[in-house]
C-alpha atoms as a PDB file:
ATOM      1  CA  UNK A   1     -82.927   7.625 -45.856  1.00  0.00           C
ATOM      2  CA  UNK A   2     -80.089   5.263 -46.743  1.00  0.00           C
ATOM      3  CA  UNK A   3     -78.805   3.790 -43.503  1.00  0.00           C
ATOM      4  CA  UNK A   4     -75.188   2.699 -43.133  1.00  0.00           C
ATOM      5  CA  UNK A   5     -73.299   0.613 -40.594  1.00  0.00           C
ATOM      6  CA  UNK A   6     -69.642  -0.190 -40.059  1.00  0.00           C
ATOM      7  CA  UNK A   7     -68.776  -3.420 -38.275  1.00  0.00           C
ATOM      8  CA  UNK A   8     -65.344  -3.646 -36.653  1.00  0.00           C
ATOM      9  CA  UNK A   9     -64.100  -7.254 -36.698  1.00  0.00           C
ATOM     10  CA  UNK A  10     -61.325  -7.822 -34.177  1.00  0.00           C
ATOM     11  CA  UNK A  11     -58.205  -9.619 -35.445  1.00  0.00           C
ATOM     12  CA  UNK A  12     -59.903 -11.993 -37.925  1.00  0.00           C
ATOM     13  CA  UNK A  13     -56.519 -13.555 -38.771  1.00  0.00           C
ATOM     14  CA  UNK A  14     -55.946 -14.514 -35.127  1.00  0.00           C
ATOM     15  CA  UNK A  15     -59.419 -14.802 -33.583  1.00  0.00           C
ATOM     16  CA  UNK A  16     -61.720 -16.753 -35.865  1.00  0.00           C
ATOM     17  CA  UNK A  17     -61.052 -20.282 -34.717  1.00  0.00           C
ATOM     18  CA  UNK A  18     -64.526 -21.784 -34.598  1.00  0.00           C
ATOM     19  CA  UNK A  19     -66.356 -20.473 -37.641  1.00  0.00           C
ATOM     20  CA  UNK A  20     -66.967 -17.073 -36.078  1.00  0.00           C
ATOM     21  CA  UNK A  21     -66.971 -15.632 -39.590  1.00  0.00           C
ATOM     22  CA  UNK A  22     -70.550 -16.950 -39.716  1.00  0.00           C
ATOM     23  CA  UNK A  23     -71.619 -14.188 -37.320  1.00  0.00           C
ATOM     24  CA  UNK A  24     -70.185 -11.551 -39.636  1.00  0.00           C
ATOM     25  CA  UNK A  25     -71.864 -13.111 -42.680  1.00  0.00           C
ATOM     26  CA  UNK A  26     -75.192 -13.257 -40.839  1.00  0.00           C
ATOM     27  CA  UNK A  27     -75.124  -9.568 -39.886  1.00  0.00           C
ATOM     28  CA  UNK A  28     -73.976  -8.568 -43.353  1.00  0.00           C
ATOM     29  CA  UNK A  29     -76.777 -10.483 -45.096  1.00  0.00           C
ATOM     30  CA  UNK A  30     -79.496  -9.284 -42.744  1.00  0.00           C
ATOM     31  CA  UNK A  31     -78.414  -5.716 -43.398  1.00  0.00           C
ATOM     32  CA  UNK A  32     -78.230  -6.221 -47.160  1.00  0.00           C
ATOM     33  CA  UNK A  33     -81.723  -7.746 -47.260  1.00  0.00           C
ATOM     34  CA  UNK A  34     -82.971  -4.549 -45.646  1.00  0.00           C
ATOM     35  CA  UNK A  35     -80.963  -2.321 -47.998  1.00  0.00           C
ATOM     36  CA  UNK A  36     -78.726  -1.130 -45.165  1.00  0.00           C
ATOM     37  CA  UNK A  37     -75.262  -0.310 -46.506  1.00  0.00           C
ATOM     38  CA  UNK A  38     -72.838  -2.424 -44.526  1.00  0.00           C
ATOM     39  CA  UNK A  39     -69.049  -2.220 -44.312  1.00  0.00           C
ATOM     40  CA  UNK A  40     -67.041  -4.895 -42.515  1.00  0.00           C
ATOM     41  CA  UNK A  41     -63.770  -3.386 -41.307  1.00  0.00           C
ATOM     42  CA  UNK A  42     -60.962  -5.700 -40.178  1.00  0.00           C
ATOM     43  CA  UNK A  43     -59.260  -4.411 -37.038  1.00  0.00           C
ATOM     44  CA  UNK A  44     -55.665  -5.610 -36.704  1.00  0.00           C
ATOM     45  CA  UNK A  45     -52.544  -4.586 -34.825  1.00  0.00           C
ATOM     46  CA  UNK A  46     -51.848  -1.759 -37.271  1.00  0.00           C
ATOM     47  CA  UNK A  47     -55.301  -0.192 -37.030  1.00  0.00           C
ATOM     48  CA  UNK A  48     -55.353   3.322 -35.609  1.00  0.00           C
ATOM     49  CA  UNK A  49     -57.746   4.303 -32.828  1.00  0.00           C
ATOM     50  CA  UNK A  50     -59.327   6.957 -35.039  1.00  0.00           C
ATOM     51  CA  UNK A  51     -60.472   4.216 -37.438  1.00  0.00           C
ATOM     52  CA  UNK A  52     -61.783   2.028 -34.628  1.00  0.00           C
ATOM     53  CA  UNK A  53     -63.838   4.942 -33.308  1.00  0.00           C
ATOM     54  CA  UNK A  54     -65.777   5.068 -36.589  1.00  0.00           C
ATOM     55  CA  UNK A  55     -67.198   1.561 -36.062  1.00  0.00           C
ATOM     56  CA  UNK A  56     -70.835   1.113 -35.069  1.00  0.00           C
ATOM     57  CA  UNK A  57     -70.469  -2.456 -33.785  1.00  0.00           C
ATOM     58  CA  UNK A  58     -67.484  -4.421 -32.479  1.00  0.00           C
ATOM     59  CA  UNK A  59     -67.243  -8.184 -33.044  1.00  0.00           C
ATOM     60  CA  UNK A  60     -64.780 -10.554 -31.368  1.00  0.00           C
ATOM     61  CA  UNK A  61     -64.288 -14.283 -31.965  1.00  0.00           C
ATOM     62  CA  UNK A  62     -62.504 -17.300 -30.580  1.00  0.00           C
ATOM     63  CA  UNK A  63     -58.806 -18.090 -30.317  1.00  0.00           C
ATOM     64  CA  UNK A  64     -56.309 -20.363 -28.631  1.00  0.00           C
ATOM     65  CA  UNK A  65     -54.231 -19.182 -25.655  1.00  0.00           C
ATOM     66  CA  UNK A  66     -51.244 -18.303 -27.883  1.00  0.00           C
ATOM     67  CA  UNK A  67     -53.313 -16.029 -30.117  1.00  0.00           C
ATOM     68  CA  UNK A  68     -55.008 -14.440 -27.123  1.00  0.00           C
ATOM     69  CA  UNK A  69     -51.592 -13.615 -25.658  1.00  0.00           C
ATOM     70  CA  UNK A  70     -50.715 -11.769 -28.874  1.00  0.00           C
ATOM     71  CA  UNK A  71     -54.043  -9.958 -29.066  1.00  0.00           C
ATOM     72  CA  UNK A  72     -54.208  -8.767 -25.459  1.00  0.00           C
ATOM     73  CA  UNK A  73     -50.983  -6.788 -25.835  1.00  0.00           C
ATOM     74  CA  UNK A  74     -52.461  -4.760 -28.680  1.00  0.00           C
ATOM     75  CA  UNK A  75     -55.833  -4.404 -26.962  1.00  0.00           C
ATOM     76  CA  UNK A  76     -54.179  -2.841 -23.911  1.00  0.00           C
ATOM     77  CA  UNK A  77     -52.629  -0.184 -26.121  1.00  0.00           C
ATOM     78  CA  UNK A  78     -56.100   0.727 -27.414  1.00  0.00           C
ATOM     79  CA  UNK A  79     -58.246   0.018 -24.369  1.00  0.00           C
ATOM     80  CA  UNK A  80     -59.223   3.656 -23.880  1.00  0.00           C
ATOM     81  CA  UNK A  81     -61.032   3.860 -27.224  1.00  0.00           C
ATOM     82  CA  UNK A  82     -62.984   0.651 -26.597  1.00  0.00           C
ATOM     83  CA  UNK A  83     -64.011   1.801 -23.131  1.00  0.00           C
ATOM     84  CA  UNK A  84     -65.136   5.159 -24.513  1.00  0.00           C
ATOM     85  CA  UNK A  85     -67.163   3.506 -27.272  1.00  0.00           C
ATOM     86  CA  UNK A  86     -68.857   0.997 -24.986  1.00  0.00           C
ATOM     87  CA  UNK A  87     -69.643   3.674 -22.398  1.00  0.00           C
ATOM     88  CA  UNK A  88     -71.540   5.721 -24.990  1.00  0.00           C
ATOM     89  CA  UNK A  89     -73.544   2.675 -26.032  1.00  0.00           C
ATOM     90  CA  UNK A  90     -71.767   1.210 -29.053  1.00  0.00           C
ATOM     91  CA  UNK A  91     -72.809  -2.476 -29.134  1.00  0.00           C
ATOM     92  CA  UNK A  92     -70.458  -5.412 -29.169  1.00  0.00           C
ATOM     93  CA  UNK A  93     -70.637  -9.184 -29.457  1.00  0.00           C
ATOM     94  CA  UNK A  94     -67.733 -11.202 -28.073  1.00  0.00           C
ATOM     95  CA  UNK A  95     -67.997 -14.985 -28.388  1.00  0.00           C
ATOM     96  CA  UNK A  96     -65.947 -18.017 -27.392  1.00  0.00           C
ATOM     97  CA  UNK A  97     -62.464 -16.928 -26.218  1.00  0.00           C
ATOM     98  CA  UNK A  98     -62.703 -13.191 -26.731  1.00  0.00           C
ATOM     99  CA  UNK A  99     -64.856 -12.513 -23.624  1.00  0.00           C
ATOM    100  CA  UNK A 100     -62.032 -13.885 -21.486  1.00  0.00           C
ATOM    101  CA  UNK A 101     -59.973 -10.820 -22.455  1.00  0.00           C
ATOM    102  CA  UNK A 102     -62.629  -8.348 -21.285  1.00  0.00           C
ATOM    103  CA  UNK A 103     -62.503  -9.249 -17.592  1.00  0.00           C
ATOM    104  CA  UNK A 104     -59.903  -8.582 -14.920  1.00  0.00           C
ATOM    105  CA  UNK A 105     -57.639 -11.449 -15.959  1.00  0.00           C
ATOM    106  CA  UNK A 106     -57.486 -14.801 -17.744  1.00  0.00           C
ATOM    107  CA  UNK A 107     -55.416 -17.608 -16.247  1.00  0.00           C
ATOM    108  CA  UNK A 108     -54.254 -19.813 -19.141  1.00  0.00           C
ATOM    109  CA  UNK A 109     -53.881 -23.577 -19.052  1.00  0.00           C
ATOM    110  CA  UNK A 110     -50.139 -23.297 -18.345  1.00  0.00           C
ATOM    111  CA  UNK A 111     -50.696 -20.941 -15.415  1.00  0.00           C
ATOM    112  CA  UNK A 112     -49.884 -17.683 -17.174  1.00  0.00           C
ATOM    113  CA  UNK A 113     -52.047 -14.758 -16.085  1.00  0.00           C
ATOM    114  CA  UNK A 114     -53.117 -12.390 -18.853  1.00  0.00           C
ATOM    115  CA  UNK A 115     -54.290  -9.042 -17.554  1.00  0.00           C
ATOM    116  CA  UNK A 116     -57.685  -8.251 -19.086  1.00  0.00           C
ATOM    117  CA  UNK A 117     -59.221  -4.951 -20.131  1.00  0.00           C
ATOM    118  CA  UNK A 118     -61.362  -4.657 -17.005  1.00  0.00           C
ATOM    119  CA  UNK A 119     -64.511  -3.811 -18.957  1.00  0.00           C
ATOM    120  CA  UNK A 120     -66.427  -6.650 -17.289  1.00  0.00           C
ATOM    121  CA  UNK A 121     -66.326  -7.537 -13.608  1.00  0.00           C
ATOM    122  CA  UNK A 122     -65.285 -11.164 -13.962  1.00  0.00           C
ATOM    123  CA  UNK A 123     -62.241 -13.415 -13.977  1.00  0.00           C
ATOM    124  CA  UNK A 124     -61.497 -16.519 -16.048  1.00  0.00           C
ATOM    125  CA  UNK A 125     -59.359 -19.467 -15.004  1.00  0.00           C
ATOM    126  CA  UNK A 126     -58.239 -22.532 -16.931  1.00  0.00           C
ATOM    127  CA  UNK A 127     -57.807 -25.470 -14.571  1.00  0.00           C
ATOM    128  CA  UNK A 128     -55.888 -27.657 -17.019  1.00  0.00           C
ATOM    129  CA  UNK A 129     -56.577 -31.348 -16.528  1.00  0.00           C
ATOM    130  CA  UNK A 130     -58.156 -30.788 -13.125  1.00  0.00           C
ATOM    131  CA  UNK A 131     -61.506 -30.018 -14.723  1.00  0.00           C
ATOM    132  CA  UNK A 132     -62.945 -31.257 -18.038  1.00  0.00           C
ATOM    133  CA  UNK A 133     -63.511 -28.975 -21.013  1.00  0.00           C
ATOM    134  CA  UNK A 134     -66.980 -27.547 -21.376  1.00  0.00           C
ATOM    135  CA  UNK A 135     -68.154 -28.985 -24.700  1.00  0.00           C
ATOM    136  CA  UNK A 136     -71.517 -29.505 -26.360  1.00  0.00           C
ATOM    137  CA  UNK A 137     -74.755 -28.011 -27.580  1.00  0.00           C
ATOM    138  CA  UNK A 138     -76.224 -25.578 -25.108  1.00  0.00           C
ATOM    139  CA  UNK A 139     -79.418 -23.658 -24.403  1.00  0.00           C
ATOM    140  CA  UNK A 140     -79.898 -20.539 -22.307  1.00  0.00           C
ATOM    141  CA  UNK A 141     -82.768 -18.312 -21.279  1.00  0.00           C
ATOM    142  CA  UNK A 142     -82.218 -14.574 -21.632  1.00  0.00           C
ATOM    143  CA  UNK A 143     -82.081 -12.767 -18.310  1.00  0.00           C
ATOM    144  CA  UNK A 144     -82.908  -9.314 -17.010  1.00  0.00           C
ATOM    145  CA  UNK A 145     -84.651  -6.988 -19.459  1.00  0.00           C
ATOM    146  CA  UNK A 146     -83.717  -8.957 -22.568  1.00  0.00           C
ATOM    147  CA  UNK A 147     -87.276 -10.156 -23.088  1.00  0.00           C
ATOM    148  CA  UNK A 148     -88.197  -6.498 -23.528  1.00  0.00           C
ATOM    149  CA  UNK A 149     -85.154  -5.793 -25.677  1.00  0.00           C
ATOM    150  CA  UNK A 150     -85.794  -8.506 -28.259  1.00  0.00           C
ATOM    151  CA  UNK A 151     -89.592  -8.302 -28.180  1.00  0.00           C
ATOM    152  CA  UNK A 152     -91.803 -11.357 -27.980  1.00  0.00           C
ATOM    153  CA  UNK A 153     -89.872 -13.531 -30.444  1.00  0.00           C
ATOM    154  CA  UNK A 154     -88.077 -15.912 -28.085  1.00  0.00           C
ATOM    155  CA  UNK A 155     -86.409 -15.773 -24.701  1.00  0.00           C
ATOM    156  CA  UNK A 156     -84.052 -18.639 -25.534  1.00  0.00           C
ATOM    157  CA  UNK A 157     -80.618 -18.718 -27.157  1.00  0.00           C
ATOM    158  CA  UNK A 158     -79.025 -21.851 -28.600  1.00  0.00           C
ATOM    159  CA  UNK A 159     -75.491 -22.664 -29.631  1.00  0.00           C
ATOM    160  CA  UNK A 160     -72.369 -24.718 -29.112  1.00  0.00           C
ATOM    161  CA  UNK A 161     -69.639 -24.294 -26.513  1.00  0.00           C
ATOM    162  CA  UNK A 162     -66.083 -25.609 -26.326  1.00  0.00           C
ATOM    163  CA  UNK A 163     -63.884 -23.953 -23.710  1.00  0.00           C
ATOM    164  CA  UNK A 164     -61.369 -24.904 -21.064  1.00  0.00           C
ATOM    165  CA  UNK A 165     -61.471 -21.566 -19.257  1.00  0.00           C
ATOM    166  CA  UNK A 166     -64.192 -21.024 -16.661  1.00  0.00           C
ATOM    167  CA  UNK A 167     -65.542 -17.544 -16.002  1.00  0.00           C
ATOM    168  CA  UNK A 168     -66.735 -16.321 -12.602  1.00  0.00           C
ATOM    169  CA  UNK A 169     -68.870 -13.184 -12.487  1.00  0.00           C
ATOM    170  CA  UNK A 170     -68.371 -10.421  -9.928  1.00  0.00           C
ATOM    171  CA  UNK A 171     -71.109  -8.431  -8.214  1.00  0.00           C
ATOM    172  CA  UNK A 172     -71.005  -5.586 -10.752  1.00  0.00           C
ATOM    173  CA  UNK A 173     -71.909  -7.584 -13.850  1.00  0.00           C
ATOM    174  CA  UNK A 174     -75.100  -9.283 -14.997  1.00  0.00           C
ATOM    175  CA  UNK A 175     -75.271 -12.609 -16.838  1.00  0.00           C
ATOM    176  CA  UNK A 176     -76.519 -12.708 -20.422  1.00  0.00           C
ATOM    177  CA  UNK A 177     -78.530 -15.875 -19.863  1.00  0.00           C
ATOM    178  CA  UNK A 178     -79.333 -18.684 -17.479  1.00  0.00           C
ATOM    179  CA  UNK A 179     -78.050 -22.093 -18.536  1.00  0.00           C
ATOM    180  CA  UNK A 180     -80.829 -24.569 -19.268  1.00  0.00           C
ATOM    181  CA  UNK A 181     -78.643 -27.184 -20.964  1.00  0.00           C
ATOM    182  CA  UNK A 182     -74.853 -27.165 -21.040  1.00  0.00           C
ATOM    183  CA  UNK A 183     -72.084 -25.667 -18.914  1.00  0.00           C
ATOM    184  CA  UNK A 184     -72.194 -21.907 -19.463  1.00  0.00           C
ATOM    185  CA  UNK A 185     -69.615 -19.730 -17.765  1.00  0.00           C
ATOM    186  CA  UNK A 186     -68.244 -22.335 -15.401  1.00  0.00           C
ATOM    187  CA  UNK A 187     -70.523 -25.380 -15.095  1.00  0.00           C
ATOM    188  CA  UNK A 188     -71.362 -24.429 -11.515  1.00  0.00           C
ATOM    189  CA  UNK A 189     -73.625 -21.389 -11.127  1.00  0.00           C
ATOM    190  CA  UNK A 190     -75.861 -21.746 -14.217  1.00  0.00           C
ATOM    191  CA  UNK A 191     -74.826 -18.361 -15.651  1.00  0.00           C
ATOM    192  CA  UNK A 192     -73.980 -17.852 -19.310  1.00  0.00           C
ATOM    193  CA  UNK A 193     -71.995 -14.866 -20.520  1.00  0.00           C
ATOM    194  CA  UNK A 194     -72.270 -11.310 -19.298  1.00  0.00           C
ATOM    195  CA  UNK A 195     -73.717  -7.968 -20.389  1.00  0.00           C
ATOM    196  CA  UNK A 196     -72.299  -4.468 -19.971  1.00  0.00           C
ATOM    197  CA  UNK A 197     -74.472  -1.691 -21.408  1.00  0.00           C
ATOM    198  CA  UNK A 198     -74.927  -2.851 -25.046  1.00  0.00           C
ATOM    199  CA  UNK A 199     -71.993  -5.270 -25.084  1.00  0.00           C
ATOM    200  CA  UNK A 200     -72.657  -9.017 -24.992  1.00  0.00           C
ATOM    201  CA  UNK A 201     -70.054 -11.581 -23.992  1.00  0.00           C
ATOM    202  CA  UNK A 202     -70.860 -15.298 -24.242  1.00  0.00           C
ATOM    203  CA  UNK A 203     -69.412 -18.751 -24.785  1.00  0.00           C
ATOM    204  CA  UNK A 204     -71.876 -19.569 -27.590  1.00  0.00           C
ATOM    205  CA  UNK A 205     -69.299 -19.506 -30.341  1.00  0.00           C
ATOM    206  CA  UNK A 206     -69.587 -19.246 -34.084  1.00  0.00           C
ATOM    207  CA  UNK A 207     -71.737 -19.243 -35.846  1.00  0.00           C
ATOM    208  CA  UNK A 208     -74.027 -18.085 -33.030  1.00  0.00           C
ATOM    209  CA  UNK A 209     -76.194 -15.473 -34.757  1.00  0.00           C
ATOM    210  CA  UNK A 210     -77.668 -17.520 -37.647  1.00  0.00           C
ATOM    211  CA  UNK A 211     -79.617 -19.676 -35.165  1.00  0.00           C
ATOM    212  CA  UNK A 212     -80.496 -16.658 -33.009  1.00  0.00           C
ATOM    213  CA  UNK A 213     -81.920 -14.022 -35.384  1.00  0.00           C
ATOM    214  CA  UNK A 214     -83.472 -12.061 -32.506  1.00  0.00           C
ATOM    215  CA  UNK A 215     -79.982 -11.331 -31.142  1.00  0.00           C
ATOM    216  CA  UNK A 216     -78.648 -10.491 -34.607  1.00  0.00           C
ATOM    217  CA  UNK A 217     -81.448  -7.999 -35.201  1.00  0.00           C
ATOM    218  CA  UNK A 218     -81.039  -6.478 -31.765  1.00  0.00           C
ATOM    219  CA  UNK A 219     -77.362  -5.785 -32.532  1.00  0.00           C
ATOM    220  CA  UNK A 220     -78.274  -4.210 -35.882  1.00  0.00           C
ATOM    221  CA  UNK A 221     -81.078  -2.058 -34.492  1.00  0.00           C
ATOM    222  CA  UNK A 222     -79.044  -0.898 -31.492  1.00  0.00           C
ATOM    223  CA  UNK A 223     -76.090  -0.036 -33.746  1.00  0.00           C
ATOM    224  CA  UNK A 224     -78.374   2.060 -35.950  1.00  0.00           C
ATOM    225  CA  UNK A 225     -79.912   3.742 -32.905  1.00  0.00           C
ATOM    226  CA  UNK A 226     -76.533   4.787 -31.512  1.00  0.00           C
ATOM    227  CA  UNK A 227     -75.256   5.977 -34.894  1.00  0.00           C
ATOM    228  CA  UNK A 228     -78.349   7.966 -35.875  1.00  0.00           C
ATOM    229  CA  UNK A 229     -79.445   8.898 -32.337  1.00  0.00           C
ATOM    230  CA  UNK A 230     -82.998   7.674 -32.811  1.00  0.00           C
ATOM    231  CA  UNK A 231     -84.891   4.402 -32.688  1.00  0.00           C
ATOM    232  CA  UNK A 232     -85.101   2.761 -36.117  1.00  0.00           C
ATOM    233  CA  UNK A 233     -87.564  -0.059 -36.682  1.00  0.00           C
ATOM    234  CA  UNK A 234     -86.135  -2.858 -38.777  1.00  0.00           C
ATOM    235  CA  UNK A 235     -88.030  -4.264 -41.723  1.00  0.00           C
ATOM    236  CA  UNK A 236     -89.139  -7.815 -40.745  1.00  0.00           C
ATOM    237  CA  UNK A 237     -87.532 -10.772 -42.513  1.00  0.00           C
ATOM    238  CA  UNK A 238     -88.768 -14.295 -43.183  1.00  0.00           C
ATOM    239  CA  UNK A 239     -86.838 -16.224 -40.520  1.00  0.00           C
ATOM    240  CA  UNK A 240     -88.610 -19.545 -40.964  1.00  0.00           C
ATOM    241  CA  UNK A 241     -85.381 -21.458 -41.571  1.00  0.00           C
ATOM    242  CA  UNK A 242     -83.530 -19.664 -38.777  1.00  0.00           C
ATOM    243  CA  UNK A 243     -86.186 -20.555 -36.228  1.00  0.00           C
ATOM    244  CA  UNK A 244     -86.286 -24.156 -37.464  1.00  0.00           C
ATOM    245  CA  UNK A 245     -82.562 -24.371 -36.743  1.00  0.00           C
ATOM    246  CA  UNK A 246     -83.145 -22.785 -33.331  1.00  0.00           C
ATOM    247  CA  UNK A 247     -85.989 -25.161 -32.477  1.00  0.00           C
ATOM    248  CA  UNK A 248     -84.008 -28.181 -33.674  1.00  0.00           C
ATOM    249  CA  UNK A 249     -81.505 -27.612 -30.852  1.00  0.00           C
ATOM    250  CA  UNK A 250     -84.315 -27.140 -28.328  1.00  0.00           C
ATOM    251  CA  UNK A 251     -85.882 -30.432 -29.378  1.00  0.00           C
ATOM    252  CA  UNK A 252     -82.539 -32.225 -29.595  1.00  0.00           C
ATOM    253  CA  UNK A 253     -81.798 -31.265 -25.994  1.00  0.00           C
ATOM    254  CA  UNK A 254     -85.418 -31.905 -24.943  1.00  0.00           C
ATOM    255  CA  UNK A 255     -86.105 -28.343 -23.887  1.00  0.00           C
ATOM    256  CA  UNK A 256     -89.861 -27.958 -24.180  1.00  0.00           C
ATOM    257  CA  UNK A 257     -90.600 -25.394 -21.501  1.00  0.00           C
ATOM    258  CA  UNK A 258     -88.039 -22.898 -20.268  1.00  0.00           C
ATOM    259  CA  UNK A 259     -88.146 -21.984 -16.594  1.00  0.00           C
ATOM    260  CA  UNK A 260     -87.865 -18.436 -15.266  1.00  0.00           C
ATOM    261  CA  UNK A 261     -84.535 -17.090 -14.042  1.00  0.00           C
END
């Protein structure tokens, strides 16, 4: 059977500030190596909901406050289709600034409150000069049932963060990871990102997936499962270089043994 996937990339002209294109390239290559037909579909302000509904995976990247203000207006007009897709299990990966638009609101650095989509139970506030930016290499340990989801490969994620906004989770949302090194959501409670059904939100911005092949493959396999309504086992790839890049960050930050959440 020739498997196919369609990736919906949100506003690549406005939300690809920090090399987030690398996540798209990573997914595309990993599909091609497995002979999975892959189509990357750019979602912009002119895209109709019927076209968005055909996507098997939604990807969102980083942006500055000005671009996020433009994007959120269009997202509100199409929020119903995204909520419907995520409720039925369509996966998503939102990195850097894009998760801030999925909560209840985002308070920008100049005090403007952008109403979010309300998909995640969290709020994000930018404290301006009152608090420093959260910048640097970071390591997290996957929480909840993620060890089961990704198998026995690794329970760590590595990446780079650079954000002024600080996200505070509500009681109805689970974190994606526990911060081992770095700031995470807010630099206070050791949480990193959030998970709703098969949608991941995190501050590990692009390119995040090349150094975390277990997350990339989980997104691919879950997208195939939802599209074809059955579990599909992915052909294994030689990820020697990917894991060397992953382990380099662990060693650089002197993470030798990861504690339990």
